[in-house]
PDB file of N, CA and C in Angstrom:
ATOM      1  N   MET A   1      17.274  -2.019  24.828  1.00  0.00           N
ATOM      2  CA  MET A   1      17.684  -1.342  23.623  1.00  0.00           C
ATOM      3  C   MET A   1      16.460  -1.174  22.721  1.00  0.00           C
ATOM      4  N   ALA A   2      16.329  -0.005  22.139  1.00  0.00           N
ATOM      5  CA  ALA A   2      15.188   0.289  21.276  1.00  0.00           C
ATOM      6  C   ALA A   2      15.367  -0.369  19.912  1.00  0.00           C
ATOM      7  N   LYS A   3      14.278  -0.837  19.386  1.00  0.00           N
ATOM      8  CA  LYS A   3      14.300  -1.452  18.065  1.00  0.00           C
ATOM      9  C   LYS A   3      14.275  -0.329  17.031  1.00  0.00           C
ATOM     10  N   THR A   4      15.220  -0.345  16.088  1.00  0.00           N
ATOM     11  CA  THR A   4      15.315   0.741  15.113  1.00  0.00           C
ATOM     12  C   THR A   4      14.981   0.298  13.694  1.00  0.00           C
ATOM     13  N   ALA A   5      14.831  -0.972  13.468  1.00  0.00           N
ATOM     14  CA  ALA A   5      14.552  -1.471  12.128  1.00  0.00           C
ATOM     15  C   ALA A   5      13.095  -1.925  12.027  1.00  0.00           C
ATOM     16  N   ALA A   6      12.563  -1.787  10.823  1.00  0.00           N
ATOM     17  CA  ALA A   6      11.205  -2.263  10.565  1.00  0.00           C
ATOM     18  C   ALA A   6      11.276  -3.304   9.464  1.00  0.00           C
ATOM     19  N   SER A   7      10.425  -4.299   9.578  1.00  0.00           N
ATOM     20  CA  SER A   7      10.380  -5.327   8.539  1.00  0.00           C
ATOM     21  C   SER A   7       9.643  -4.772   7.322  1.00  0.00           C
ATOM     22  N   PHE A   8       9.812  -5.475   6.220  1.00  0.00           N
ATOM     23  CA  PHE A   8       9.140  -5.088   4.976  1.00  0.00           C
ATOM     24  C   PHE A   8       7.626  -4.984   5.183  1.00  0.00           C
ATOM     25  N   PRO A   9       6.981  -5.990   5.789  1.00  0.00           N
ATOM     26  CA  PRO A   9       5.534  -5.883   6.021  1.00  0.00           C
ATOM     27  C   PRO A   9       5.159  -4.696   6.929  1.00  0.00           C
ATOM     28  N   GLN A  10       5.995  -4.423   7.925  1.00  0.00           N
ATOM     29  CA  GLN A  10       5.717  -3.279   8.799  1.00  0.00           C
ATOM     30  C   GLN A  10       5.786  -1.968   8.025  1.00  0.00           C
ATOM     31  N   MET A  11       6.764  -1.861   7.138  1.00  0.00           N
ATOM     32  CA  MET A  11       6.885  -0.643   6.339  1.00  0.00           C
ATOM     33  C   MET A  11       5.712  -0.502   5.379  1.00  0.00           C
ATOM     34  N   GLN A  12       5.274  -1.614   4.795  1.00  0.00           N
ATOM     35  CA  GLN A  12       4.106  -1.569   3.910  1.00  0.00           C
ATOM     36  C   GLN A  12       2.863  -1.150   4.684  1.00  0.00           C
ATOM     37  N   GLN A  13       2.716  -1.672   5.888  1.00  0.00           N
ATOM     38  CA  GLN A  13       1.575  -1.314   6.728  1.00  0.00           C
ATOM     39  C   GLN A  13       1.642   0.164   7.106  1.00  0.00           C
ATOM     40  N   ALA A  14       2.821   0.638   7.453  1.00  0.00           N
ATOM     41  CA  ALA A  14       2.993   2.054   7.799  1.00  0.00           C
ATOM     42  C   ALA A  14       2.673   2.940   6.603  1.00  0.00           C
ATOM     43  N   LEU A  15       3.128   2.539   5.435  1.00  0.00           N
ATOM     44  CA  LEU A  15       2.849   3.315   4.226  1.00  0.00           C
ATOM     45  C   LEU A  15       1.354   3.404   3.972  1.00  0.00           C
ATOM     46  N   GLN A  16       0.655   2.298   4.137  1.00  0.00           N
ATOM     47  CA  GLN A  16      -0.797   2.304   3.946  1.00  0.00           C
ATOM     48  C   GLN A  16      -1.480   3.217   4.969  1.00  0.00           C
ATOM     49  N   LEU A  17      -1.055   3.129   6.214  1.00  0.00           N
ATOM     50  CA  LEU A  17      -1.635   3.961   7.265  1.00  0.00           C
ATOM     51  C   LEU A  17      -1.389   5.442   6.991  1.00  0.00           C
ATOM     52  N   ILE A  18      -0.182   5.770   6.591  1.00  0.00           N
ATOM     53  CA  ILE A  18       0.149   7.163   6.299  1.00  0.00           C
ATOM     54  C   ILE A  18      -0.656   7.656   5.102  1.00  0.00           C
ATOM     55  N   SER A  19      -0.766   6.842   4.063  1.00  0.00           N
ATOM     56  CA  SER A  19      -1.547   7.223   2.887  1.00  0.00           C
ATOM     57  C   SER A  19      -3.011   7.462   3.243  1.00  0.00           C
ATOM     58  N   THR A  20      -3.562   6.584   4.059  1.00  0.00           N
ATOM     59  CA  THR A  20      -4.954   6.738   4.494  1.00  0.00           C
ATOM     60  C   THR A  20      -5.128   7.996   5.336  1.00  0.00           C
ATOM     61  N   THR A  21      -4.191   8.233   6.244  1.00  0.00           N
ATOM     62  CA  THR A  21      -4.247   9.425   7.099  1.00  0.00           C
ATOM     63  C   THR A  21      -4.123  10.693   6.267  1.00  0.00           C
ATOM     64  N   LEU A  22      -3.231  10.672   5.305  1.00  0.00           N
ATOM     65  CA  LEU A  22      -3.046  11.821   4.423  1.00  0.00           C
ATOM     66  C   LEU A  22      -4.324  12.131   3.653  1.00  0.00           C
ATOM     67  N   GLU A  23      -4.945  11.113   3.125  1.00  0.00           N
ATOM     68  CA  GLU A  23      -6.197  11.314   2.399  1.00  0.00           C
ATOM     69  C   GLU A  23      -7.289  11.836   3.328  1.00  0.00           C
ATOM     70  N   SER A  24      -7.341  11.336   4.552  1.00  0.00           N
ATOM     71  CA  SER A  24      -8.321  11.818   5.530  1.00  0.00           C
ATOM     72  C   SER A  24      -8.087  13.296   5.837  1.00  0.00           C
ATOM     73  N   CYS A  25      -6.836  13.672   5.985  1.00  0.00           N
ATOM     74  CA  CYS A  25      -6.504  15.085   6.247  1.00  0.00           C
ATOM     75  C   CYS A  25      -6.955  15.973   5.096  1.00  0.00           C
ATOM     76  N   ARG A  26      -6.709  15.522   3.874  1.00  0.00           N
ATOM     77  CA  ARG A  26      -7.142  16.296   2.702  1.00  0.00           C
ATOM     78  C   ARG A  26      -8.662  16.471   2.703  1.00  0.00           C
ATOM     79  N   THR A  27      -9.357  15.380   2.972  1.00  0.00           N
ATOM     80  CA  THR A  27     -10.819  15.418   2.965  1.00  0.00           C
ATOM     81  C   THR A  27     -11.350  16.348   4.054  1.00  0.00           C
ATOM     82  N   VAL A  28     -10.812  16.231   5.259  1.00  0.00           N
ATOM     83  CA  VAL A  28     -11.257  17.084   6.364  1.00  0.00           C
ATOM     84  C   VAL A  28     -10.998  18.557   6.030  1.00  0.00           C
ATOM     85  N   GLN A  29      -9.814  18.841   5.508  1.00  0.00           N
ATOM     86  CA  GLN A  29      -9.490  20.234   5.190  1.00  0.00           C
ATOM     87  C   GLN A  29     -10.408  20.778   4.097  1.00  0.00           C
ATOM     88  N   THR A  30     -10.612  20.013   3.051  1.00  0.00           N
ATOM     89  CA  THR A  30     -11.477  20.460   1.953  1.00  0.00           C
ATOM     90  C   THR A  30     -12.904  20.676   2.437  1.00  0.00           C
ATOM     91  N   ASN A  31     -13.444  19.714   3.184  1.00  0.00           N
ATOM     92  CA  ASN A  31     -14.816  19.851   3.689  1.00  0.00           C
ATOM     93  C   ASN A  31     -14.948  21.044   4.631  1.00  0.00           C
ATOM     94  N   THR A  32     -13.967  21.219   5.501  1.00  0.00           N
ATOM     95  CA  THR A  32     -14.003  22.336   6.449  1.00  0.00           C
ATOM     96  C   THR A  32     -13.963  23.664   5.711  1.00  0.00           C
ATOM     97  N   GLU A  33     -13.071  23.769   4.743  1.00  0.00           N
ATOM     98  CA  GLU A  33     -12.969  25.028   3.988  1.00  0.00           C
ATOM     99  C   GLU A  33     -14.252  25.322   3.223  1.00  0.00           C
ATOM    100  N   THR A  34     -14.888  24.291   2.699  1.00  0.00           N
ATOM    101  CA  THR A  34     -16.164  24.476   1.992  1.00  0.00           C
ATOM    102  C   THR A  34     -17.232  24.992   2.956  1.00  0.00           C
ATOM    103  N   HIS A  35     -17.317  24.401   4.135  1.00  0.00           N
ATOM    104  CA  HIS A  35     -18.314  24.833   5.117  1.00  0.00           C
ATOM    105  C   HIS A  35     -18.019  26.251   5.615  1.00  0.00           C
ATOM    106  N   VAL A  36     -16.767  26.562   5.810  1.00  0.00           N
ATOM    107  CA  VAL A  36     -16.389  27.896   6.284  1.00  0.00           C
ATOM    108  C   VAL A  36     -16.733  28.948   5.230  1.00  0.00           C
ATOM    109  N   GLU A  37     -16.442  28.653   3.972  1.00  0.00           N
ATOM    110  CA  GLU A  37     -16.783  29.599   2.898  1.00  0.00           C
ATOM    111  C   GLU A  37     -18.286  29.865   2.873  1.00  0.00           C
ATOM    112  N   SER A  38     -19.050  28.809   3.031  1.00  0.00           N
ATOM    113  CA  SER A  38     -20.508  28.965   3.052  1.00  0.00           C
ATOM    114  C   SER A  38     -20.941  29.820   4.232  1.00  0.00           C
ATOM    115  N   LEU A  39     -20.357  29.556   5.383  1.00  0.00           N
ATOM    116  CA  LEU A  39     -20.690  30.316   6.586  1.00  0.00           C
ATOM    117  C   LEU A  39     -20.279  31.778   6.442  1.00  0.00           C
ATOM    118  N   MET A  40     -19.109  32.023   5.895  1.00  0.00           N
ATOM    119  CA  MET A  40     -18.597  33.382   5.754  1.00  0.00           C
ATOM    120  C   MET A  40     -19.459  34.229   4.818  1.00  0.00           C
ATOM    121  N   SER A  41     -20.091  33.590   3.860  1.00  0.00           N
ATOM    122  CA  SER A  41     -20.909  34.344   2.907  1.00  0.00           C
ATOM    123  C   SER A  41     -22.163  34.932   3.552  1.00  0.00           C
ATOM    124  N   THR A  42     -22.557  34.392   4.699  1.00  0.00           N
ATOM    125  CA  THR A  42     -23.767  34.899   5.363  1.00  0.00           C
ATOM    126  C   THR A  42     -23.486  35.524   6.727  1.00  0.00           C
ATOM    127  N   TRP A  43     -22.286  35.401   7.219  1.00  0.00           N
ATOM    128  CA  TRP A  43     -21.940  35.884   8.551  1.00  0.00           C
ATOM    129  C   TRP A  43     -21.581  37.360   8.482  1.00  0.00           C
ATOM    130  N   GLU A  44     -22.255  38.154   9.285  1.00  0.00           N
ATOM    131  CA  GLU A  44     -22.014  39.591   9.260  1.00  0.00           C
ATOM    132  C   GLU A  44     -21.661  40.139  10.633  1.00  0.00           C
ATOM    133  N   ALA A  45     -21.415  39.281  11.600  1.00  0.00           N
ATOM    134  CA  ALA A  45     -21.076  39.723  12.957  1.00  0.00           C
ATOM    135  C   ALA A  45     -19.601  40.112  13.020  1.00  0.00           C
ATOM    136  N   SER A  46     -19.256  40.895  14.047  1.00  0.00           N
ATOM    137  CA  SER A  46     -17.872  41.333  14.205  1.00  0.00           C
ATOM    138  C   SER A  46     -16.935  40.157  14.517  1.00  0.00           C
ATOM    139  N   SER A  47     -17.463  39.083  15.028  1.00  0.00           N
ATOM    140  CA  SER A  47     -16.643  37.909  15.343  1.00  0.00           C
ATOM    141  C   SER A  47     -16.203  37.151  14.088  1.00  0.00           C
ATOM    142  N   GLN A  48     -16.720  37.557  12.951  1.00  0.00           N
ATOM    143  CA  GLN A  48     -16.376  36.889  11.702  1.00  0.00           C
ATOM    144  C   GLN A  48     -14.865  36.904  11.454  1.00  0.00           C
ATOM    145  N   GLU A  49     -14.214  38.031  11.696  1.00  0.00           N
ATOM    146  CA  GLU A  49     -12.773  38.133  11.437  1.00  0.00           C
ATOM    147  C   GLU A  49     -11.962  37.244  12.380  1.00  0.00           C
ATOM    148  N   ILE A  50     -12.394  37.160  13.619  1.00  0.00           N
ATOM    149  CA  ILE A  50     -11.707  36.274  14.570  1.00  0.00           C
ATOM    150  C   ILE A  50     -11.828  34.828  14.096  1.00  0.00           C
ATOM    151  N   PHE A  51     -13.038  34.452  13.728  1.00  0.00           N
ATOM    152  CA  PHE A  51     -13.266  33.089  13.239  1.00  0.00           C
ATOM    153  C   PHE A  51     -12.459  32.827  11.971  1.00  0.00           C
ATOM    154  N   ARG A  52     -12.433  33.801  11.077  1.00  0.00           N
ATOM    155  CA  ARG A  52     -11.671  33.652   9.841  1.00  0.00           C
ATOM    156  C   ARG A  52     -10.185  33.413  10.162  1.00  0.00           C
ATOM    157  N   GLY A  53      -9.651  34.157  11.122  1.00  0.00           N
ATOM    158  CA  GLY A  53      -8.258  33.985  11.531  1.00  0.00           C
ATOM    159  C   GLY A  53      -7.996  32.599  12.097  1.00  0.00           C
ATOM    160  N   VAL A  54      -8.912  32.125  12.923  1.00  0.00           N
ATOM    161  CA  VAL A  54      -8.783  30.782  13.492  1.00  0.00           C
ATOM    162  C   VAL A  54      -8.792  29.740  12.380  1.00  0.00           C
ATOM    163  N   MET A  55      -9.672  29.897  11.429  1.00  0.00           N
ATOM    164  CA  MET A  55      -9.772  28.930  10.345  1.00  0.00           C
ATOM    165  C   MET A  55      -8.565  29.001   9.407  1.00  0.00           C
ATOM    166  N   GLU A  56      -7.976  30.169   9.240  1.00  0.00           N
ATOM    167  CA  GLU A  56      -6.748  30.280   8.451  1.00  0.00           C
ATOM    168  C   GLU A  56      -5.610  29.525   9.141  1.00  0.00           C
ATOM    169  N   LYS A  57      -5.532  29.639  10.467  1.00  0.00           N
ATOM    170  CA  LYS A  57      -4.521  28.874  11.221  1.00  0.00           C
ATOM    171  C   LYS A  57      -4.769  27.377  11.073  1.00  0.00           C
ATOM    172  N   PHE A  58      -6.031  26.985  11.129  1.00  0.00           N
ATOM    173  CA  PHE A  58      -6.385  25.578  10.945  1.00  0.00           C
ATOM    174  C   PHE A  58      -5.881  25.079   9.587  1.00  0.00           C
ATOM    175  N   SER A  59      -6.133  25.859   8.545  1.00  0.00           N
ATOM    176  CA  SER A  59      -5.699  25.472   7.204  1.00  0.00           C
ATOM    177  C   SER A  59      -4.173  25.391   7.115  1.00  0.00           C
ATOM    178  N   GLU A  60      -3.494  26.350   7.735  1.00  0.00           N
ATOM    179  CA  GLU A  60      -2.024  26.338   7.727  1.00  0.00           C
ATOM    180  C   GLU A  60      -1.495  25.082   8.417  1.00  0.00           C
ATOM    181  N   ARG A  61      -2.093  24.741   9.542  1.00  0.00           N
ATOM    182  CA  ARG A  61      -1.652  23.551  10.276  1.00  0.00           C
ATOM    183  C   ARG A  61      -1.952  22.276   9.505  1.00  0.00           C
ATOM    184  N   CYS A  62      -3.099  22.234   8.847  1.00  0.00           N
ATOM    185  CA  CYS A  62      -3.429  21.074   8.010  1.00  0.00           C
ATOM    186  C   CYS A  62      -2.394  20.921   6.905  1.00  0.00           C
ATOM    187  N   LEU A  63      -2.033  22.024   6.275  1.00  0.00           N
ATOM    188  CA  LEU A  63      -1.026  21.967   5.213  1.00  0.00           C
ATOM    189  C   LEU A  63       0.317  21.498   5.752  1.00  0.00           C
ATOM    190  N   ALA A  64       0.701  21.957   6.937  1.00  0.00           N
ATOM    191  CA  ALA A  64       1.970  21.537   7.546  1.00  0.00           C
ATOM    192  C   ALA A  64       1.950  20.043   7.863  1.00  0.00           C
ATOM    193  N   ILE A  65       0.848  19.566   8.399  1.00  0.00           N
ATOM    194  CA  ILE A  65       0.716  18.135   8.712  1.00  0.00           C
ATOM    195  C   ILE A  65       0.779  17.324   7.427  1.00  0.00           C
ATOM    196  N   ARG A  66       0.056  17.771   6.407  1.00  0.00           N
ATOM    197  CA  ARG A  66       0.067  17.049   5.130  1.00  0.00           C
ATOM    198  C   ARG A  66       1.462  17.032   4.516  1.00  0.00           C
ATOM    199  N   SER A  67       2.163  18.126   4.631  1.00  0.00           N
ATOM    200  CA  SER A  67       3.528  18.197   4.105  1.00  0.00           C
ATOM    201  C   SER A  67       4.440  17.191   4.797  1.00  0.00           C
ATOM    202  N   GLN A  68       4.335  17.106   6.116  1.00  0.00           N
ATOM    203  CA  GLN A  68       5.153  16.146   6.861  1.00  0.00           C
ATOM    204  C   GLN A  68       4.767  14.709   6.539  1.00  0.00           C
ATOM    205  N   LEU A  69       3.481  14.457   6.405  1.00  0.00           N
ATOM    206  CA  LEU A  69       3.038  13.108   6.026  1.00  0.00           C
ATOM    207  C   LEU A  69       3.529  12.747   4.628  1.00  0.00           C
ATOM    208  N   ASP A  70       3.505  13.709   3.713  1.00  0.00           N
ATOM    209  CA  ASP A  70       4.040  13.484   2.364  1.00  0.00           C
ATOM    210  C   ASP A  70       5.515  13.109   2.425  1.00  0.00           C
ATOM    211  N   THR A  71       6.264  13.835   3.242  1.00  0.00           N
ATOM    212  CA  THR A  71       7.695  13.568   3.387  1.00  0.00           C
ATOM    213  C   THR A  71       7.934  12.165   3.927  1.00  0.00           C
ATOM    214  N   ILE A  72       7.211  11.810   4.971  1.00  0.00           N
ATOM    215  CA  ILE A  72       7.356  10.473   5.562  1.00  0.00           C
ATOM    216  C   ILE A  72       6.964   9.402   4.542  1.00  0.00           C
ATOM    217  N   GLU A  73       5.865   9.630   3.843  1.00  0.00           N
ATOM    218  CA  GLU A  73       5.399   8.680   2.830  1.00  0.00           C
ATOM    219  C   GLU A  73       6.479   8.478   1.761  1.00  0.00           C
ATOM    220  N   ASN A  74       7.076   9.561   1.297  1.00  0.00           N
ATOM    221  CA  ASN A  74       8.124   9.468   0.278  1.00  0.00           C
ATOM    222  C   ASN A  74       9.343   8.706   0.789  1.00  0.00           C
ATOM    223  N   HIS A  75       9.736   8.958   2.040  1.00  0.00           N
ATOM    224  CA  HIS A  75      10.885   8.257   2.612  1.00  0.00           C
ATOM    225  C   HIS A  75      10.615   6.752   2.726  1.00  0.00           C
ATOM    226  N   ILE A  76       9.423   6.399   3.150  1.00  0.00           N
ATOM    227  CA  ILE A  76       9.086   4.974   3.271  1.00  0.00           C
ATOM    228  C   ILE A  76       9.064   4.321   1.890  1.00  0.00           C
ATOM    229  N   GLN A  77       8.498   5.009   0.898  1.00  0.00           N
ATOM    230  CA  GLN A  77       8.477   4.458  -0.456  1.00  0.00           C
ATOM    231  C   GLN A  77       9.899   4.244  -0.981  1.00  0.00           C
ATOM    232  N   GLU A  78      10.770   5.210  -0.737  1.00  0.00           N
ATOM    233  CA  GLU A  78      12.171   5.073  -1.159  1.00  0.00           C
ATOM    234  C   GLU A  78      12.834   3.890  -0.453  1.00  0.00           C
ATOM    235  N   THR A  79      12.590   3.771   0.845  1.00  0.00           N
ATOM    236  CA  THR A  79      13.176   2.681   1.618  1.00  0.00           C
ATOM    237  C   THR A  79      12.665   1.331   1.135  1.00  0.00           C
ATOM    238  N   LEU A  80      11.381   1.244   0.861  1.00  0.00           N
ATOM    239  CA  LEU A  80      10.816   0.000   0.333  1.00  0.00           C
ATOM    240  C   LEU A  80      11.443  -0.341  -1.023  1.00  0.00           C
ATOM    241  N   GLY A  81      11.619   0.659  -1.859  1.00  0.00           N
ATOM    242  CA  GLY A  81      12.247   0.439  -3.159  1.00  0.00           C
ATOM    243  C   GLY A  81      13.667  -0.076  -3.022  1.00  0.00           C
ATOM    244  N   LEU A  82      14.418   0.517  -2.089  1.00  0.00           N
ATOM    245  CA  LEU A  82      15.789   0.064  -1.839  1.00  0.00           C
ATOM    246  C   LEU A  82      15.806  -1.360  -1.297  1.00  0.00           C
ATOM    247  N   GLN A  83      14.842  -1.670  -0.454  1.00  0.00           N
ATOM    248  CA  GLN A  83      14.759  -3.019   0.114  1.00  0.00           C
ATOM    249  C   GLN A  83      14.485  -4.050  -0.968  1.00  0.00           C
ATOM    250  N   VAL A  84      13.567  -3.730  -1.877  1.00  0.00           N
ATOM    251  CA  VAL A  84      13.250  -4.639  -2.976  1.00  0.00           C
ATOM    252  C   VAL A  84      14.486  -4.837  -3.850  1.00  0.00           C
ATOM    253  N   GLN A  85      15.173  -3.740  -4.161  1.00  0.00           N
ATOM    254  CA  GLN A  85      16.386  -3.823  -4.971  1.00  0.00           C
ATOM    255  C   GLN A  85      17.454  -4.669  -4.277  1.00  0.00           C
ATOM    256  N   SER A  86      17.637  -4.452  -3.000  1.00  0.00           N
ATOM    257  CA  SER A  86      18.620  -5.215  -2.234  1.00  0.00           C
ATOM    258  C   SER A  86      18.266  -6.696  -2.208  1.00  0.00           C
ATOM    259  N   ASP A  87      16.992  -6.990  -2.002  1.00  0.00           N
ATOM    260  CA  ASP A  87      16.550  -8.388  -1.992  1.00  0.00           C
ATOM    261  C   ASP A  87      16.802  -9.054  -3.341  1.00  0.00           C
ATOM    262  N   GLU A  88      16.530  -8.325  -4.423  1.00  0.00           N
ATOM    263  CA  GLU A  88      16.759  -8.875  -5.760  1.00  0.00           C
ATOM    264  C   GLU A  88      18.248  -9.131  -5.989  1.00  0.00           C
ATOM    265  N   GLU A  89      19.092  -8.190  -5.578  1.00  0.00           N
ATOM    266  CA  GLU A  89      20.538  -8.357  -5.729  1.00  0.00           C
ATOM    267  C   GLU A  89      21.044  -9.528  -4.889  1.00  0.00           C
ATOM    268  N   THR A  90      20.475  -9.683  -3.714  1.00  0.00           N
ATOM    269  CA  THR A  90      20.855 -10.811  -2.858  1.00  0.00           C
ATOM    270  C   THR A  90      20.461 -12.130  -3.510  1.00  0.00           C
ATOM    271  N   GLN A  91      19.281 -12.160  -4.089  1.00  0.00           N
ATOM    272  CA  GLN A  91      18.823 -13.387  -4.766  1.00  0.00           C
ATOM    273  C   GLN A  91      19.752 -13.754  -5.921  1.00  0.00           C
ATOM    274  N   VAL A  92      20.167 -12.760  -6.703  1.00  0.00           N
ATOM    275  CA  VAL A  92      21.073 -13.012  -7.818  1.00  0.00           C
ATOM    276  C   VAL A  92      22.403 -13.540  -7.292  1.00  0.00           C
ATOM    277  N   ALA A  93      22.938 -12.898  -6.254  1.00  0.00           N
ATOM    278  CA  ALA A  93      24.214 -13.330  -5.669  1.00  0.00           C
ATOM    279  C   ALA A  93      24.103 -14.743  -5.115  1.00  0.00           C
ATOM    280  N   MET A  94      23.020 -15.048  -4.452  1.00  0.00           N
ATOM    281  CA  MET A  94      22.825 -16.390  -3.898  1.00  0.00           C
ATOM    282  C   MET A  94      22.701 -17.419  -5.017  1.00  0.00           C
ATOM    283  N   SER A  95      22.042 -17.065  -6.089  1.00  0.00           N
ATOM    284  CA  SER A  95      21.898 -17.965  -7.231  1.00  0.00           C
ATOM    285  C   SER A  95      23.269 -18.258  -7.843  1.00  0.00           C
ATOM    286  N   GLU A  96      24.077 -17.220  -7.989  1.00  0.00           N
ATOM    287  CA  GLU A  96      25.429 -17.402  -8.529  1.00  0.00           C
ATOM    288  C   GLU A  96      26.273 -18.267  -7.595  1.00  0.00           C
ATOM    289  N   LEU A  97      26.134 -18.033  -6.308  1.00  0.00           N
ATOM    290  CA  LEU A  97      26.864 -18.837  -5.330  1.00  0.00           C
ATOM    291  C   LEU A  97      26.433 -20.301  -5.399  1.00  0.00           C
ATOM    292  N   GLN A  98      25.145 -20.525  -5.530  1.00  0.00           N
ATOM    293  CA  GLN A  98      24.628 -21.901  -5.630  1.00  0.00           C
ATOM    294  C   GLN A  98      25.182 -22.585  -6.872  1.00  0.00           C
ATOM    295  N   LYS A  99      25.255 -21.848  -7.984  1.00  0.00           N
ATOM    296  CA  LYS A  99      25.816 -22.408  -9.207  1.00  0.00           C
ATOM    297  C   LYS A  99      27.270 -22.802  -9.004  1.00  0.00           C
ATOM    298  N   LEU A 100      28.035 -21.945  -8.301  1.00  0.00           N
ATOM    299  CA  LEU A 100      29.431 -22.246  -8.030  1.00  0.00           C
ATOM    300  C   LEU A 100      29.549 -23.503  -7.169  1.00  0.00           C
ATOM    301  N   MET A 101      28.692 -23.587  -6.181  1.00  0.00           N
ATOM    302  CA  MET A 101      28.726 -24.740  -5.271  1.00  0.00           C
ATOM    303  C   MET A 101      28.335 -26.025  -6.005  1.00  0.00           C
ATOM    304  N   ASP A 102      27.441 -25.903  -6.979  1.00  0.00           N
ATOM    305  CA  ASP A 102      26.992 -27.056  -7.753  1.00  0.00           C
ATOM    306  C   ASP A 102      27.966 -27.394  -8.873  1.00  0.00           C
ATOM    307  N   GLY A 103      28.972 -26.534  -9.059  1.00  0.00           N
ATOM    308  CA  GLY A 103      29.955 -26.768 -10.105  1.00  0.00           C
ATOM    309  C   GLY A 103      29.435 -26.469 -11.488  1.00  0.00           C
ATOM    310  N   ALA A 104      28.409 -25.662 -11.567  1.00  0.00           N
ATOM    311  CA  ALA A 104      27.796 -25.355 -12.859  1.00  0.00           C
ATOM    312  C   ALA A 104      28.509 -24.224 -13.589  1.00  0.00           C
ATOM    313  N   VAL A 105      29.385 -23.520 -12.926  1.00  0.00           N
ATOM    314  CA  VAL A 105      30.053 -22.395 -13.591  1.00  0.00           C
ATOM    315  C   VAL A 105      31.469 -22.761 -13.949  1.00  0.00           C
TER     316      VAL A 105
END
């Protein structure tokens, strides 16, 4: 049977990895676009348009990847927030139960 749940530390680790990957994607895309712009300003061969088209596809794919990583990052953050809230509610309930057991209420 496949494991479908992740522990809190695993989710935190995944969030960090996704955040790092997202930042790397942004950096690669920005640097690539800067280099391409520089190249395009001096390129006068007929292959320039083909290259420009390839680089536009590259940028589109980078944006799609970044969008999906953003979505995953947001879902993990929401899940972590819910987990923290649930843990806090459990702690309160357990504290109340302990008080009842101790006869303090």
